[in-house]
């Protein structure tokens, strides 16, 4: 399975998380360490306007790309 699409995540993308919640990406950062090949993201969840951050591996799919 090709996961390279995670490397192209951008601020403003609307995504579906593995948890089943929709979120908007508010920050995309590259970090050193175990997941160095994939970005770490900060999100704003659409259902309750709460924030969070996680590895891009927690993003299931991009629903709408930012322009």
Protein backbone atom coordinates (compact mmCIF):
# COMPACT_ATOMS: atom_id res chain seq x y z
CA UNK A 1 0.00 0.00 0.00
CA UNK A 2 1.36 3.41 -0.98
CA UNK A 3 1.22 5.96 1.84
CA UNK A 4 3.15 8.71 0.07
CA UNK A 5 0.01 10.87 -0.08
CA UNK A 6 0.60 11.62 3.62
CA UNK A 7 3.78 13.46 2.64
CA UNK A 8 1.65 15.96 0.69
CA UNK A 9 -0.72 16.99 3.49
CA UNK A 10 -1.22 20.75 3.69
CA UNK A 11 -2.63 23.25 6.18
CA UNK A 12 -6.33 23.66 5.43
CA UNK A 13 -6.93 20.10 4.20
CA UNK A 14 -10.16 18.53 5.46
CA UNK A 15 -9.35 14.98 6.54
CA UNK A 16 -11.01 11.90 7.98
CA UNK A 17 -9.14 10.58 10.99
CA UNK A 18 -8.75 6.88 11.79
CA UNK A 19 -11.03 7.58 14.80
CA UNK A 20 -13.87 8.48 12.41
CA UNK A 21 -13.80 12.22 13.18
CA UNK A 22 -13.38 14.89 10.52
CA UNK A 23 -10.71 17.52 11.11
CA UNK A 24 -9.01 20.46 9.44
CA UNK A 25 -5.21 20.48 9.43
CA UNK A 26 -3.90 23.61 11.15
CA UNK A 27 -0.18 22.80 11.10
CA UNK A 28 2.03 20.28 9.29
CA UNK A 29 5.56 19.73 10.68
CA UNK A 30 8.38 17.36 9.85
CA UNK A 31 10.14 15.84 12.88
CA UNK A 32 13.12 13.62 13.51
CA UNK A 33 12.56 10.19 15.00
CA UNK A 34 10.53 7.09 14.29
CA UNK A 35 8.09 8.71 11.81
CA UNK A 36 10.71 10.99 10.23
CA UNK A 37 9.48 10.08 6.75
CA UNK A 38 5.97 11.40 7.45
CA UNK A 39 4.76 14.69 8.96
CA UNK A 40 3.27 15.36 12.38
CA UNK A 41 0.00 17.33 12.20
CA UNK A 42 -2.05 19.63 14.40
CA UNK A 43 -5.78 19.45 13.79
CA UNK A 44 -9.05 21.20 14.66
CA UNK A 45 -11.88 18.68 14.93
CA UNK A 46 -15.06 19.74 13.15
CA UNK A 47 -17.53 18.08 15.52
CA UNK A 48 -16.58 19.97 18.72
CA UNK A 49 -13.94 22.54 17.62
CA UNK A 50 -11.32 20.92 19.87
CA UNK A 51 -7.69 20.77 18.89
CA UNK A 52 -5.14 17.99 18.88
CA UNK A 53 -1.93 16.76 17.32
CA UNK A 54 -0.68 13.40 16.11
CA UNK A 55 1.34 11.56 13.52
CA UNK A 56 -0.03 11.74 9.99
CA UNK A 57 -0.51 7.96 10.30
CA UNK A 58 -3.71 8.82 12.24
CA UNK A 59 -5.11 10.47 9.08
CA UNK A 60 -7.23 7.94 7.20
CA UNK A 61 -7.90 9.98 4.06
CA UNK A 62 -8.06 13.49 2.62
CA UNK A 63 -11.66 14.54 2.00
CA UNK A 64 -10.94 17.96 0.49
CA UNK A 65 -7.57 19.54 -0.31
CA UNK A 66 -6.83 23.16 0.52
CA UNK A 67 -6.25 25.49 -2.39
